């Protein structure tokens, strides 16, 4: 199990905080066992939380030229036809994955191709399960164009706890299927907008794994 590079600062802050509260417990309450126990338990809990959240497990990728692979771990919360008004400006099939704080938060490219569009949007921090989070929250919009010409749009969406979206792509980049393209910190959501008529292999309530679960076929 690897530790993701995005977690180093958070881990360092937790370790410094832990050292401070343990020092305070021993220095100011030298004979108060409960204070010592509380300091160690809190430090251990915070450290384990950070290690769990920023874990980056080794994955066996599912690859396929005509396959759409889940870009994130989580639960399918939306499968519906909707109008996508930012890039396509027409009706698309939306598939949304909700990531809880316990999920792996690495984001990956669902298909191979070229990044034909990228834009970052500052915004609100509504709960990720709210329908308006897709258009009102802080988010990125990434479009990957497949060699066959099909374009797939997906968004990293911040949630109530997620206060930082990280991306590693820009317009014109070559996208390799299942390659890391970003990270969202502390609970969030990824929306995909697929061509109408896309054959789906998932439904609402399904649990998916990024880089492994086949969402559908181009």
N, C-alpha and C. Protein backbone atom coordinates (compact mmCIF):
# COMPACT_ATOMS: atom_id res chain seq x y z
N UNK A 1 0.84 -1.20 0.00
CA UNK A 1 0.00 0.00 0.00
C UNK A 1 0.88 1.25 0.00
N UNK A 2 0.72 2.09 -1.00
CA UNK A 2 1.51 3.31 -1.10
C UNK A 2 0.77 4.49 -0.46
N UNK A 3 1.52 5.52 -0.13
CA UNK A 3 0.95 6.77 0.40
C UNK A 3 1.03 7.80 -0.72
N UNK A 4 -0.11 8.45 -1.02
CA UNK A 4 -0.15 9.38 -2.14
C UNK A 4 0.61 10.65 -1.83
N UNK A 5 1.27 11.19 -2.85
CA UNK A 5 2.08 12.39 -2.67
C UNK A 5 1.28 13.59 -2.19
N UNK A 6 -0.02 13.63 -2.48
CA UNK A 6 -0.85 14.77 -2.07
C UNK A 6 -1.06 14.81 -0.56
N UNK A 7 -0.70 13.72 0.13
CA UNK A 7 -0.95 13.68 1.57
C UNK A 7 0.21 14.06 2.44
N UNK A 8 1.39 14.34 1.86
CA UNK A 8 2.58 14.60 2.68
C UNK A 8 2.42 15.83 3.58
N UNK A 9 1.87 16.90 3.05
CA UNK A 9 1.69 18.12 3.85
C UNK A 9 0.71 17.86 4.99
N UNK A 10 -0.40 17.21 4.67
CA UNK A 10 -1.40 16.91 5.70
C UNK A 10 -0.82 16.02 6.79
N UNK A 11 -0.03 15.02 6.39
CA UNK A 11 0.58 14.12 7.37
C UNK A 11 1.58 14.88 8.25
N UNK A 12 2.36 15.76 7.65
CA UNK A 12 3.33 16.54 8.43
C UNK A 12 2.62 17.43 9.45
N UNK A 13 1.51 18.05 9.04
CA UNK A 13 0.76 18.91 9.97
C UNK A 13 0.19 18.10 11.13
N UNK A 14 -0.32 16.92 10.83
CA UNK A 14 -0.87 16.06 11.89
C UNK A 14 0.21 15.61 12.85
N UNK A 15 1.39 15.27 12.34
CA UNK A 15 2.48 14.83 13.20
C UNK A 15 2.96 15.97 14.11
N UNK A 16 3.04 17.18 13.55
CA UNK A 16 3.44 18.34 14.36
C UNK A 16 2.39 18.61 15.44
N UNK A 17 1.11 18.57 15.04
CA UNK A 17 0.03 18.78 16.01
C UNK A 17 0.08 17.72 17.11
N UNK A 18 0.32 16.47 16.71
CA UNK A 18 0.39 15.37 17.68
C UNK A 18 1.53 15.58 18.67
N UNK A 19 2.67 16.00 18.16
CA UNK A 19 3.82 16.24 19.04
C UNK A 19 3.52 17.34 20.04
N UNK A 20 2.79 18.36 19.60
CA UNK A 20 2.46 19.49 20.48
C UNK A 20 1.52 19.05 21.59
N UNK A 21 0.45 18.33 21.25
CA UNK A 21 -0.51 17.96 22.30
C UNK A 21 0.08 16.93 23.26
N UNK A 22 0.95 16.07 22.77
CA UNK A 22 1.61 15.11 23.66
C UNK A 22 2.57 15.84 24.60
N UNK A 23 3.28 16.84 24.07
CA UNK A 23 4.17 17.64 24.92
C UNK A 23 3.37 18.38 25.99
N UNK A 24 2.25 18.97 25.59
CA UNK A 24 1.41 19.71 26.55
C UNK A 24 0.92 18.77 27.65
N UNK A 25 0.47 17.57 27.25
CA UNK A 25 -0.05 16.61 28.22
C UNK A 25 1.01 16.24 29.25
N UNK A 26 2.23 15.98 28.79
CA UNK A 26 3.30 15.56 29.71
C UNK A 26 3.87 16.73 30.51
N UNK A 27 3.94 17.91 29.90
CA UNK A 27 4.57 19.06 30.57
C UNK A 27 3.65 19.70 31.60
N UNK A 28 2.38 19.86 31.22
CA UNK A 28 1.45 20.58 32.11
C UNK A 28 0.62 19.64 32.99
N UNK A 29 0.52 18.38 32.60
CA UNK A 29 -0.25 17.42 33.40
C UNK A 29 0.60 16.16 33.61
N UNK A 30 1.74 16.29 34.27
CA UNK A 30 2.70 15.17 34.39
C UNK A 30 2.15 13.95 35.12
N UNK A 31 1.18 14.16 36.00
CA UNK A 31 0.65 13.02 36.77
C UNK A 31 -0.79 12.66 36.39
N UNK A 32 -1.30 13.31 35.35
CA UNK A 32 -2.69 13.11 34.97
C UNK A 32 -2.74 12.11 33.79
N UNK A 33 -2.92 10.83 34.13
CA UNK A 33 -2.86 9.76 33.13
C UNK A 33 -3.89 9.93 32.02
N UNK A 34 -5.10 10.40 32.38
CA UNK A 34 -6.17 10.56 31.38
C UNK A 34 -5.75 11.54 30.30
N UNK A 35 -5.05 12.61 30.68
CA UNK A 35 -4.59 13.60 29.69
C UNK A 35 -3.59 12.97 28.74
N UNK A 36 -2.70 12.14 29.28
CA UNK A 36 -1.72 11.47 28.43
C UNK A 36 -2.42 10.51 27.46
N UNK A 37 -3.36 9.74 27.99
CA UNK A 37 -4.07 8.78 27.17
C UNK A 37 -4.85 9.48 26.05
N UNK A 38 -5.52 10.57 26.40
CA UNK A 38 -6.28 11.32 25.40
C UNK A 38 -5.36 11.84 24.30
N UNK A 39 -4.21 12.38 24.67
CA UNK A 39 -3.27 12.92 23.69
C UNK A 39 -2.79 11.84 22.72
N UNK A 40 -2.46 10.67 23.26
CA UNK A 40 -1.97 9.59 22.40
C UNK A 40 -3.08 9.02 21.52
N UNK A 41 -4.28 8.88 22.09
CA UNK A 41 -5.39 8.35 21.30
C UNK A 41 -5.77 9.31 20.17
N UNK A 42 -5.83 10.62 20.48
CA UNK A 42 -6.17 11.60 19.46
C UNK A 42 -5.10 11.64 18.37
N UNK A 43 -3.84 11.59 18.77
CA UNK A 43 -2.74 11.59 17.80
C UNK A 43 -2.80 10.37 16.88
N UNK A 44 -3.05 9.21 17.51
CA UNK A 44 -3.13 7.99 16.72
C UNK A 44 -4.30 8.00 15.76
N UNK A 45 -5.45 8.49 16.23
CA UNK A 45 -6.63 8.56 15.38
C UNK A 45 -6.40 9.47 14.17
N UNK A 46 -5.85 10.66 14.42
CA UNK A 46 -5.62 11.61 13.33
C UNK A 46 -4.60 11.07 12.32
N UNK A 47 -3.55 10.45 12.83
CA UNK A 47 -2.52 9.91 11.94
C UNK A 47 -3.09 8.78 11.08
N UNK A 48 -3.84 7.87 11.70
CA UNK A 48 -4.44 6.76 10.94
C UNK A 48 -5.46 7.27 9.92
N UNK A 49 -6.20 8.33 10.28
CA UNK A 49 -7.17 8.90 9.34
C UNK A 49 -6.47 9.43 8.10
N UNK A 50 -5.37 10.16 8.29
CA UNK A 50 -4.63 10.70 7.15
C UNK A 50 -4.03 9.58 6.31
N UNK A 51 -3.46 8.58 6.97
CA UNK A 51 -2.86 7.45 6.24
C UNK A 51 -3.92 6.70 5.44
N UNK A 52 -5.10 6.56 6.02
CA UNK A 52 -6.19 5.87 5.33
C UNK A 52 -6.70 6.68 4.15
N UNK A 53 -6.87 7.98 4.35
CA UNK A 53 -7.46 8.81 3.31
C UNK A 53 -6.54 8.95 2.11
N UNK A 54 -5.25 9.09 2.34
CA UNK A 54 -4.31 9.32 1.25
C UNK A 54 -3.64 8.02 0.77
N UNK A 55 -4.23 6.89 1.07
CA UNK A 55 -3.66 5.65 0.58
C UNK A 55 -3.78 5.58 -0.95
N UNK A 56 -2.82 4.92 -1.54
CA UNK A 56 -2.78 4.81 -2.99
C UNK A 56 -2.46 3.36 -3.36
N UNK A 57 -3.45 2.49 -3.26
CA UNK A 57 -3.19 1.05 -3.46
C UNK A 57 -2.78 0.73 -4.89
N UNK A 58 -1.95 -0.27 -5.02
CA UNK A 58 -1.56 -0.76 -6.34
C UNK A 58 -2.76 -1.45 -6.98
N UNK A 59 -3.06 -1.10 -8.21
CA UNK A 59 -4.23 -1.64 -8.89
C UNK A 59 -3.83 -2.40 -10.15
N UNK A 60 -4.57 -3.45 -10.44
CA UNK A 60 -4.48 -4.14 -11.71
C UNK A 60 -5.48 -3.47 -12.64
N UNK A 61 -5.01 -2.72 -13.63
CA UNK A 61 -5.89 -1.93 -14.48
C UNK A 61 -6.73 -2.81 -15.41
N UNK A 62 -7.97 -2.36 -15.64
CA UNK A 62 -8.81 -2.94 -16.68
C UNK A 62 -8.71 -2.02 -17.89
N UNK A 63 -8.19 -2.53 -18.99
CA UNK A 63 -7.95 -1.70 -20.16
C UNK A 63 -8.74 -2.25 -21.35
N UNK A 64 -9.16 -1.36 -22.21
CA UNK A 64 -9.88 -1.77 -23.41
C UNK A 64 -10.18 -0.57 -24.27
N UNK A 65 -9.89 -0.65 -25.55
CA UNK A 65 -10.03 0.51 -26.43
C UNK A 65 -11.47 1.02 -26.49
N UNK A 66 -12.44 0.11 -26.34
CA UNK A 66 -13.84 0.51 -26.42
C UNK A 66 -14.51 0.59 -25.06
N UNK A 67 -13.73 0.45 -23.97
CA UNK A 67 -14.30 0.43 -22.63
C UNK A 67 -14.19 1.80 -21.95
N UNK A 68 -15.20 2.11 -21.14
CA UNK A 68 -15.17 3.31 -20.28
C UNK A 68 -14.96 2.81 -18.85
N UNK A 69 -13.82 3.14 -18.28
CA UNK A 69 -13.45 2.63 -16.96
C UNK A 69 -13.76 3.68 -15.89
N UNK A 70 -14.20 3.23 -14.73
CA UNK A 70 -14.51 4.16 -13.63
C UNK A 70 -13.30 5.04 -13.32
N UNK A 71 -13.48 6.36 -13.27
CA UNK A 71 -12.36 7.26 -12.96
C UNK A 71 -12.11 7.42 -11.47
N UNK A 72 -12.96 6.83 -10.64
CA UNK A 72 -12.82 7.00 -9.19
C UNK A 72 -13.51 5.86 -8.45
N UNK A 73 -13.10 5.63 -7.21
CA UNK A 73 -13.80 4.70 -6.32
C UNK A 73 -15.06 5.38 -5.79
N UNK A 74 -16.08 4.60 -5.50
CA UNK A 74 -17.28 5.18 -4.88
C UNK A 74 -18.55 4.45 -5.26
N UNK A 75 -19.67 5.14 -5.09
CA UNK A 75 -20.99 4.56 -5.37
C UNK A 75 -21.67 5.35 -6.48
N UNK A 76 -22.32 4.64 -7.38
CA UNK A 76 -23.09 5.29 -8.45
C UNK A 76 -24.34 5.90 -7.84
N UNK A 77 -24.48 7.23 -7.96
CA UNK A 77 -25.63 7.91 -7.36
C UNK A 77 -26.55 8.54 -8.40
N UNK A 78 -26.08 8.67 -9.64
CA UNK A 78 -26.91 9.24 -10.71
C UNK A 78 -26.65 8.47 -11.99
N UNK A 79 -27.74 8.06 -12.65
CA UNK A 79 -27.71 7.56 -14.03
C UNK A 79 -28.93 8.13 -14.71
N UNK A 80 -28.74 9.14 -15.55
CA UNK A 80 -29.89 9.80 -16.17
C UNK A 80 -29.46 10.59 -17.40
N UNK A 81 -30.41 10.84 -18.27
CA UNK A 81 -30.17 11.72 -19.40
C UNK A 81 -30.37 13.16 -18.94
N UNK A 82 -29.45 14.02 -19.31
CA UNK A 82 -29.52 15.41 -18.87
C UNK A 82 -28.86 16.30 -19.91
N UNK A 83 -29.12 17.60 -19.83
CA UNK A 83 -28.46 18.55 -20.73
C UNK A 83 -27.13 18.97 -20.13
N UNK A 84 -26.07 18.85 -20.91
CA UNK A 84 -24.74 19.30 -20.49
C UNK A 84 -24.50 20.65 -21.18
N UNK A 85 -24.48 21.72 -20.35
CA UNK A 85 -24.51 23.06 -20.92
C UNK A 85 -23.19 23.77 -21.05
N UNK A 86 -22.10 23.16 -20.58
CA UNK A 86 -20.82 23.88 -20.64
C UNK A 86 -20.05 23.63 -21.93
N UNK A 87 -19.96 22.38 -22.33
CA UNK A 87 -19.12 22.04 -23.48
C UNK A 87 -19.95 21.47 -24.65
N UNK A 88 -20.69 20.40 -24.41
CA UNK A 88 -21.45 19.77 -25.49
C UNK A 88 -22.68 20.59 -25.87
N UNK A 89 -23.32 21.18 -24.85
CA UNK A 89 -24.54 21.97 -25.04
C UNK A 89 -25.64 21.15 -25.73
N UNK A 90 -25.75 19.91 -25.30
CA UNK A 90 -26.82 19.04 -25.79
C UNK A 90 -27.10 17.97 -24.74
N UNK A 91 -27.95 17.02 -25.08
CA UNK A 91 -28.33 16.00 -24.12
C UNK A 91 -27.27 14.91 -24.06
N UNK A 92 -26.93 14.50 -22.84
CA UNK A 92 -25.93 13.46 -22.61
C UNK A 92 -26.44 12.50 -21.54
N UNK A 93 -25.76 11.37 -21.43
CA UNK A 93 -26.06 10.40 -20.37
C UNK A 93 -25.09 10.67 -19.22
N UNK A 94 -25.64 11.10 -18.08
CA UNK A 94 -24.81 11.43 -16.92
C UNK A 94 -24.70 10.23 -15.99
N UNK A 95 -23.48 9.93 -15.59
CA UNK A 95 -23.20 8.91 -14.58
C UNK A 95 -22.36 9.58 -13.50
N UNK A 96 -22.82 9.56 -12.26
CA UNK A 96 -22.13 10.24 -11.16
C UNK A 96 -21.67 9.24 -10.11
N UNK A 97 -20.43 9.43 -9.65
CA UNK A 97 -19.83 8.59 -8.62
C UNK A 97 -19.58 9.42 -7.37
N UNK A 98 -20.19 9.04 -6.27
CA UNK A 98 -19.98 9.74 -5.00
C UNK A 98 -18.87 9.05 -4.23
N UNK A 99 -17.87 9.83 -3.82
CA UNK A 99 -16.74 9.30 -3.05
C UNK A 99 -16.89 9.73 -1.60
N UNK A 100 -17.01 8.77 -0.69
CA UNK A 100 -17.07 9.08 0.73
C UNK A 100 -15.64 9.28 1.25
N UNK A 101 -15.49 9.83 2.46
CA UNK A 101 -14.13 10.00 3.00
C UNK A 101 -13.34 8.71 3.15
N UNK A 102 -14.02 7.55 3.11
CA UNK A 102 -13.31 6.28 3.27
C UNK A 102 -12.82 5.71 1.94
N UNK A 103 -13.24 6.29 0.82
CA UNK A 103 -12.82 5.79 -0.48
C UNK A 103 -11.40 6.27 -0.83
N UNK A 104 -10.77 5.56 -1.75
CA UNK A 104 -9.53 6.05 -2.36
C UNK A 104 -9.91 7.24 -3.23
N UNK A 105 -9.16 8.34 -3.12
CA UNK A 105 -9.55 9.57 -3.80
C UNK A 105 -8.70 9.94 -5.00
N UNK A 106 -7.98 8.97 -5.54
CA UNK A 106 -7.25 9.17 -6.79
C UNK A 106 -8.25 9.21 -7.94
N UNK A 107 -8.07 10.15 -8.87
CA UNK A 107 -8.92 10.23 -10.06
C UNK A 107 -8.11 9.84 -11.30
N UNK A 108 -8.75 9.09 -12.21
CA UNK A 108 -8.05 8.53 -13.37
C UNK A 108 -8.82 8.78 -14.66
N UNK A 109 -8.11 8.71 -15.78
CA UNK A 109 -8.76 8.88 -17.08
C UNK A 109 -9.62 7.64 -17.40
N UNK A 110 -10.88 7.85 -17.78
CA UNK A 110 -11.76 6.70 -18.09
C UNK A 110 -11.49 6.08 -19.46
N UNK A 111 -10.94 6.87 -20.38
CA UNK A 111 -10.59 6.37 -21.71
C UNK A 111 -9.24 6.94 -22.10
N UNK A 112 -8.67 6.39 -23.16
CA UNK A 112 -7.44 6.95 -23.73
C UNK A 112 -7.80 7.94 -24.82
N UNK A 113 -6.93 8.91 -25.02
CA UNK A 113 -7.18 9.90 -26.06
C UNK A 113 -6.37 11.17 -25.84
N UNK A 114 -6.93 12.28 -26.24
CA UNK A 114 -6.29 13.59 -26.07
C UNK A 114 -7.22 14.48 -25.27
N UNK A 115 -6.68 15.23 -24.32
CA UNK A 115 -7.48 16.19 -23.55
C UNK A 115 -7.83 17.35 -24.48
N UNK A 116 -9.07 17.37 -24.93
CA UNK A 116 -9.50 18.39 -25.89
C UNK A 116 -10.05 19.65 -25.23
N UNK A 117 -10.31 19.55 -23.91
CA UNK A 117 -10.83 20.73 -23.19
C UNK A 117 -10.54 20.56 -21.71
N UNK A 118 -10.15 21.66 -21.07
CA UNK A 118 -9.96 21.67 -19.62
C UNK A 118 -10.33 23.05 -19.09
N UNK A 119 -11.04 23.06 -17.97
CA UNK A 119 -11.34 24.34 -17.31
C UNK A 119 -11.57 24.11 -15.83
N UNK A 120 -11.01 25.02 -15.02
CA UNK A 120 -11.24 25.00 -13.58
C UNK A 120 -12.28 26.06 -13.23
N UNK A 121 -13.23 25.69 -12.36
CA UNK A 121 -14.29 26.60 -11.93
C UNK A 121 -14.25 26.76 -10.41
N UNK A 122 -13.96 27.95 -9.89
CA UNK A 122 -14.16 28.16 -8.45
C UNK A 122 -15.65 28.10 -8.16
N UNK A 123 -16.01 27.81 -6.91
CA UNK A 123 -17.43 27.73 -6.60
C UNK A 123 -17.71 27.44 -5.16
N UNK A 124 -18.91 26.94 -4.90
CA UNK A 124 -19.38 26.67 -3.54
C UNK A 124 -18.89 25.31 -3.07
N UNK A 125 -19.30 24.95 -1.85
CA UNK A 125 -18.94 23.65 -1.28
C UNK A 125 -20.20 22.98 -0.73
N UNK A 126 -21.22 22.84 -1.62
CA UNK A 126 -22.43 22.12 -1.23
C UNK A 126 -22.10 20.65 -1.05
N UNK A 127 -22.95 19.94 -0.32
CA UNK A 127 -22.76 18.50 -0.17
C UNK A 127 -22.72 17.86 -1.56
N UNK A 128 -21.79 16.93 -1.77
CA UNK A 128 -21.55 16.37 -3.10
C UNK A 128 -22.77 15.63 -3.66
N UNK A 129 -23.67 15.15 -2.78
CA UNK A 129 -24.85 14.44 -3.27
C UNK A 129 -25.95 15.39 -3.74
N UNK A 130 -25.81 16.69 -3.49
CA UNK A 130 -26.80 17.67 -3.95
C UNK A 130 -26.73 17.80 -5.47
N UNK A 131 -27.88 17.80 -6.18
CA UNK A 131 -27.86 17.93 -7.64
C UNK A 131 -27.13 19.19 -8.13
N UNK A 132 -27.27 20.32 -7.39
CA UNK A 132 -26.66 21.57 -7.83
C UNK A 132 -25.14 21.58 -7.67
N UNK A 133 -24.59 20.58 -6.95
CA UNK A 133 -23.14 20.56 -6.77
C UNK A 133 -22.42 20.42 -8.11
N UNK A 134 -23.09 19.79 -9.09
CA UNK A 134 -22.47 19.57 -10.40
C UNK A 134 -22.22 20.87 -11.15
N UNK A 135 -23.03 21.91 -10.85
CA UNK A 135 -22.89 23.18 -11.57
C UNK A 135 -22.48 24.34 -10.67
N UNK A 136 -22.67 24.21 -9.35
CA UNK A 136 -22.41 25.34 -8.44
C UNK A 136 -21.12 25.19 -7.63
N UNK A 137 -20.65 23.97 -7.43
CA UNK A 137 -19.49 23.75 -6.58
C UNK A 137 -18.17 24.02 -7.31
N UNK A 138 -17.11 24.16 -6.53
CA UNK A 138 -15.78 24.18 -7.12
C UNK A 138 -15.59 22.88 -7.90
N UNK A 139 -15.04 22.98 -9.12
CA UNK A 139 -14.96 21.80 -9.97
C UNK A 139 -13.98 22.02 -11.12
N UNK A 140 -13.63 20.93 -11.75
CA UNK A 140 -12.91 20.99 -13.02
C UNK A 140 -13.76 20.30 -14.07
N UNK A 141 -13.59 20.70 -15.32
CA UNK A 141 -14.22 20.03 -16.44
C UNK A 141 -13.13 19.56 -17.37
N UNK A 142 -13.09 18.25 -17.64
CA UNK A 142 -12.08 17.66 -18.52
C UNK A 142 -12.79 16.89 -19.61
N UNK A 143 -12.40 17.11 -20.85
CA UNK A 143 -12.95 16.36 -21.97
C UNK A 143 -11.81 15.60 -22.64
N UNK A 144 -12.00 14.29 -22.81
CA UNK A 144 -11.00 13.46 -23.50
C UNK A 144 -11.63 12.99 -24.81
N UNK A 145 -10.89 13.22 -25.90
CA UNK A 145 -11.34 12.78 -27.22
C UNK A 145 -10.65 11.49 -27.61
N UNK A 146 -11.46 10.45 -27.83
CA UNK A 146 -10.94 9.14 -28.20
C UNK A 146 -10.43 9.17 -29.64
N UNK A 147 -9.56 8.24 -29.99
CA UNK A 147 -9.02 8.16 -31.35
C UNK A 147 -10.13 7.98 -32.38
N UNK A 148 -11.24 7.38 -31.99
CA UNK A 148 -12.37 7.17 -32.90
C UNK A 148 -13.22 8.43 -33.06
N UNK A 149 -12.92 9.46 -32.27
CA UNK A 149 -13.66 10.72 -32.37
C UNK A 149 -14.65 10.96 -31.26
N UNK A 150 -14.99 9.94 -30.48
CA UNK A 150 -15.92 10.09 -29.36
C UNK A 150 -15.29 10.90 -28.25
N UNK A 151 -16.05 11.86 -27.70
CA UNK A 151 -15.57 12.66 -26.59
C UNK A 151 -16.36 12.32 -25.33
N UNK A 152 -15.64 12.22 -24.22
CA UNK A 152 -16.25 11.99 -22.91
C UNK A 152 -15.84 13.12 -21.99
N UNK A 153 -16.82 13.70 -21.32
CA UNK A 153 -16.57 14.78 -20.37
C UNK A 153 -16.70 14.22 -18.96
N UNK A 154 -15.79 14.60 -18.10
CA UNK A 154 -15.95 14.25 -16.69
C UNK A 154 -15.50 15.40 -15.81
N UNK A 155 -16.12 15.50 -14.65
CA UNK A 155 -15.87 16.61 -13.72
C UNK A 155 -15.43 16.09 -12.37
N UNK A 156 -14.40 16.73 -11.82
CA UNK A 156 -14.06 16.57 -10.41
C UNK A 156 -14.86 17.64 -9.67
N UNK A 157 -15.63 17.23 -8.68
CA UNK A 157 -16.51 18.17 -7.96
C UNK A 157 -16.19 18.14 -6.48
N UNK A 158 -15.90 19.30 -5.91
CA UNK A 158 -15.65 19.39 -4.47
C UNK A 158 -16.95 19.20 -3.71
N UNK A 159 -16.85 18.69 -2.49
CA UNK A 159 -18.02 18.52 -1.64
C UNK A 159 -17.96 19.43 -0.43
N UNK A 160 -18.77 19.11 0.58
CA UNK A 160 -18.81 19.93 1.79
C UNK A 160 -17.49 19.87 2.55
N UNK A 161 -16.82 18.71 2.50
CA UNK A 161 -15.54 18.55 3.18
C UNK A 161 -14.36 18.76 2.24
N UNK A 162 -14.56 18.45 0.96
CA UNK A 162 -13.46 18.58 0.00
C UNK A 162 -13.18 20.04 -0.29
N UNK A 163 -12.03 20.52 0.11
CA UNK A 163 -11.70 21.93 -0.06
C UNK A 163 -10.52 22.13 -1.01
N UNK A 164 -10.13 21.07 -1.67
CA UNK A 164 -9.06 21.24 -2.64
C UNK A 164 -9.15 20.17 -3.71
N UNK A 165 -9.21 20.62 -4.96
CA UNK A 165 -9.17 19.73 -6.11
C UNK A 165 -7.79 19.85 -6.73
N UNK A 166 -7.18 18.72 -7.02
CA UNK A 166 -5.87 18.70 -7.65
C UNK A 166 -6.00 18.03 -9.01
N UNK A 167 -5.38 18.61 -10.02
CA UNK A 167 -5.41 18.00 -11.35
C UNK A 167 -4.00 18.03 -11.93
N UNK A 168 -3.72 17.04 -12.80
CA UNK A 168 -2.40 16.91 -13.41
C UNK A 168 -2.48 17.03 -14.93
N UNK A 169 -3.53 17.63 -15.43
CA UNK A 169 -3.72 17.66 -16.88
C UNK A 169 -3.94 19.08 -17.38
N UNK A 170 -3.75 19.23 -18.68
CA UNK A 170 -4.06 20.49 -19.36
C UNK A 170 -4.49 20.15 -20.78
N UNK A 171 -5.11 21.11 -21.44
CA UNK A 171 -5.58 20.88 -22.80
C UNK A 171 -4.41 20.52 -23.70
N UNK A 172 -4.61 19.49 -24.50
CA UNK A 172 -3.58 19.04 -25.41
C UNK A 172 -2.79 17.85 -24.92
N UNK A 173 -2.92 17.51 -23.64
CA UNK A 173 -2.20 16.35 -23.10
C UNK A 173 -2.71 15.05 -23.71
N UNK A 174 -1.82 14.09 -23.80
CA UNK A 174 -2.22 12.73 -24.19
C UNK A 174 -2.67 11.99 -22.93
N UNK A 175 -3.87 11.46 -22.96
CA UNK A 175 -4.44 10.76 -21.79
C UNK A 175 -4.33 9.26 -22.00
N UNK A 176 -3.70 8.58 -21.06
CA UNK A 176 -3.63 7.12 -21.07
C UNK A 176 -4.73 6.57 -20.17
N UNK A 177 -5.47 5.60 -20.65
CA UNK A 177 -6.56 5.03 -19.87
C UNK A 177 -6.06 4.52 -18.51
N UNK A 178 -6.75 4.94 -17.44
CA UNK A 178 -6.46 4.58 -16.05
C UNK A 178 -5.26 5.32 -15.45
N UNK A 179 -4.61 6.16 -16.23
CA UNK A 179 -3.52 6.99 -15.70
C UNK A 179 -4.08 8.01 -14.71
N UNK A 180 -3.34 8.32 -13.65
CA UNK A 180 -3.78 9.33 -12.69
C UNK A 180 -3.89 10.69 -13.38
N UNK A 181 -5.04 11.36 -13.16
CA UNK A 181 -5.19 12.73 -13.67
C UNK A 181 -5.49 13.73 -12.57
N UNK A 182 -5.66 13.25 -11.32
CA UNK A 182 -5.94 14.20 -10.26
C UNK A 182 -6.28 13.52 -8.94
N UNK A 183 -6.69 14.37 -7.99
CA UNK A 183 -7.00 13.91 -6.64
C UNK A 183 -7.95 14.92 -6.03
N UNK A 184 -8.93 14.45 -5.26
CA UNK A 184 -9.82 15.36 -4.53
C UNK A 184 -9.73 15.01 -3.05
N UNK A 185 -9.54 16.03 -2.23
CA UNK A 185 -9.31 15.79 -0.81
C UNK A 185 -10.61 15.80 0.00
N UNK A 186 -10.83 14.73 0.75
CA UNK A 186 -11.87 14.63 1.79
C UNK A 186 -13.30 14.64 1.28
N UNK A 187 -13.66 13.65 0.49
CA UNK A 187 -15.06 13.44 0.13
C UNK A 187 -15.52 14.30 -1.03
N UNK A 188 -16.09 13.72 -2.06
CA UNK A 188 -16.39 14.48 -3.25
C UNK A 188 -17.17 13.65 -4.25
N UNK A 189 -17.12 14.05 -5.53
CA UNK A 189 -17.94 13.41 -6.55
C UNK A 189 -17.29 13.59 -7.92
N UNK A 190 -17.49 12.61 -8.80
CA UNK A 190 -17.06 12.71 -10.18
C UNK A 190 -18.27 12.45 -11.06
N UNK A 191 -18.53 13.36 -12.00
CA UNK A 191 -19.61 13.20 -12.97
C UNK A 191 -19.02 12.88 -14.33
N UNK A 192 -19.63 11.94 -15.05
CA UNK A 192 -19.26 11.66 -16.42
C UNK A 192 -20.44 11.96 -17.32
N UNK A 193 -20.17 12.51 -18.50
CA UNK A 193 -21.21 12.79 -19.48
C UNK A 193 -20.86 12.03 -20.76
N UNK A 194 -21.69 11.04 -21.06
CA UNK A 194 -21.43 10.10 -22.15
C UNK A 194 -22.43 10.31 -23.28
N UNK A 195 -22.09 9.86 -24.48
CA UNK A 195 -23.05 9.98 -25.58
C UNK A 195 -24.34 9.23 -25.28
N UNK A 196 -25.46 9.79 -25.71
CA UNK A 196 -26.74 9.10 -25.57
C UNK A 196 -26.66 7.77 -26.32
N UNK A 197 -27.15 6.73 -25.68
CA UNK A 197 -27.10 5.41 -26.29
C UNK A 197 -25.92 4.58 -25.86
N UNK A 198 -25.04 5.19 -25.01
CA UNK A 198 -23.90 4.42 -24.50
C UNK A 198 -24.41 3.20 -23.73
N UNK A 199 -23.83 2.05 -24.01
CA UNK A 199 -24.19 0.83 -23.30
C UNK A 199 -23.55 0.84 -21.93
N UNK A 200 -24.37 0.86 -20.87
CA UNK A 200 -23.86 0.91 -19.50
C UNK A 200 -23.85 -0.46 -18.86
N UNK A 201 -22.86 -0.67 -18.00
CA UNK A 201 -22.75 -1.91 -17.23
C UNK A 201 -23.06 -1.69 -15.75
N UNK A 202 -23.45 -0.47 -15.37
CA UNK A 202 -23.69 -0.15 -13.96
C UNK A 202 -25.06 0.49 -13.80
N UNK A 203 -25.52 0.51 -12.55
CA UNK A 203 -26.80 1.13 -12.21
C UNK A 203 -26.65 1.86 -10.89
N UNK A 204 -27.65 2.66 -10.53
CA UNK A 204 -27.61 3.40 -9.27
C UNK A 204 -27.47 2.42 -8.10
N UNK A 205 -26.56 2.77 -7.19
CA UNK A 205 -26.31 1.94 -6.02
C UNK A 205 -25.11 1.02 -6.15
N UNK A 206 -24.62 0.82 -7.37
CA UNK A 206 -23.45 -0.03 -7.56
C UNK A 206 -22.20 0.63 -6.98
N UNK A 207 -21.34 -0.17 -6.40
CA UNK A 207 -20.05 0.30 -5.90
C UNK A 207 -18.99 0.01 -6.96
N UNK A 208 -18.21 1.02 -7.30
CA UNK A 208 -17.22 0.87 -8.37
C UNK A 208 -15.82 1.17 -7.85
N UNK A 209 -14.83 0.66 -8.57
CA UNK A 209 -13.43 0.92 -8.25
C UNK A 209 -12.75 1.60 -9.44
N UNK A 210 -12.08 2.72 -9.15
CA UNK A 210 -11.36 3.42 -10.19
C UNK A 210 -10.30 2.55 -10.80
N UNK A 211 -10.19 2.60 -12.12
CA UNK A 211 -9.20 1.87 -12.93
C UNK A 211 -9.55 0.39 -13.08
N UNK A 212 -10.66 -0.06 -12.48
CA UNK A 212 -11.01 -1.48 -12.57
C UNK A 212 -12.42 -1.75 -13.08
N UNK A 213 -13.41 -1.01 -12.59
CA UNK A 213 -14.80 -1.27 -12.97
C UNK A 213 -15.12 -0.72 -14.34
N UNK A 214 -15.72 -1.53 -15.19
CA UNK A 214 -16.17 -1.08 -16.51
C UNK A 214 -17.54 -0.43 -16.37
N UNK A 215 -17.60 0.86 -16.67
CA UNK A 215 -18.87 1.58 -16.60
C UNK A 215 -19.73 1.33 -17.82
N UNK A 216 -19.09 1.22 -18.98
CA UNK A 216 -19.83 1.04 -20.20
C UNK A 216 -18.90 0.88 -21.38
N UNK A 217 -19.46 0.96 -22.57
CA UNK A 217 -18.68 0.80 -23.81
C UNK A 217 -18.97 1.94 -24.76
N UNK A 218 -17.93 2.38 -25.45
CA UNK A 218 -18.07 3.45 -26.45
C UNK A 218 -18.79 2.89 -27.68
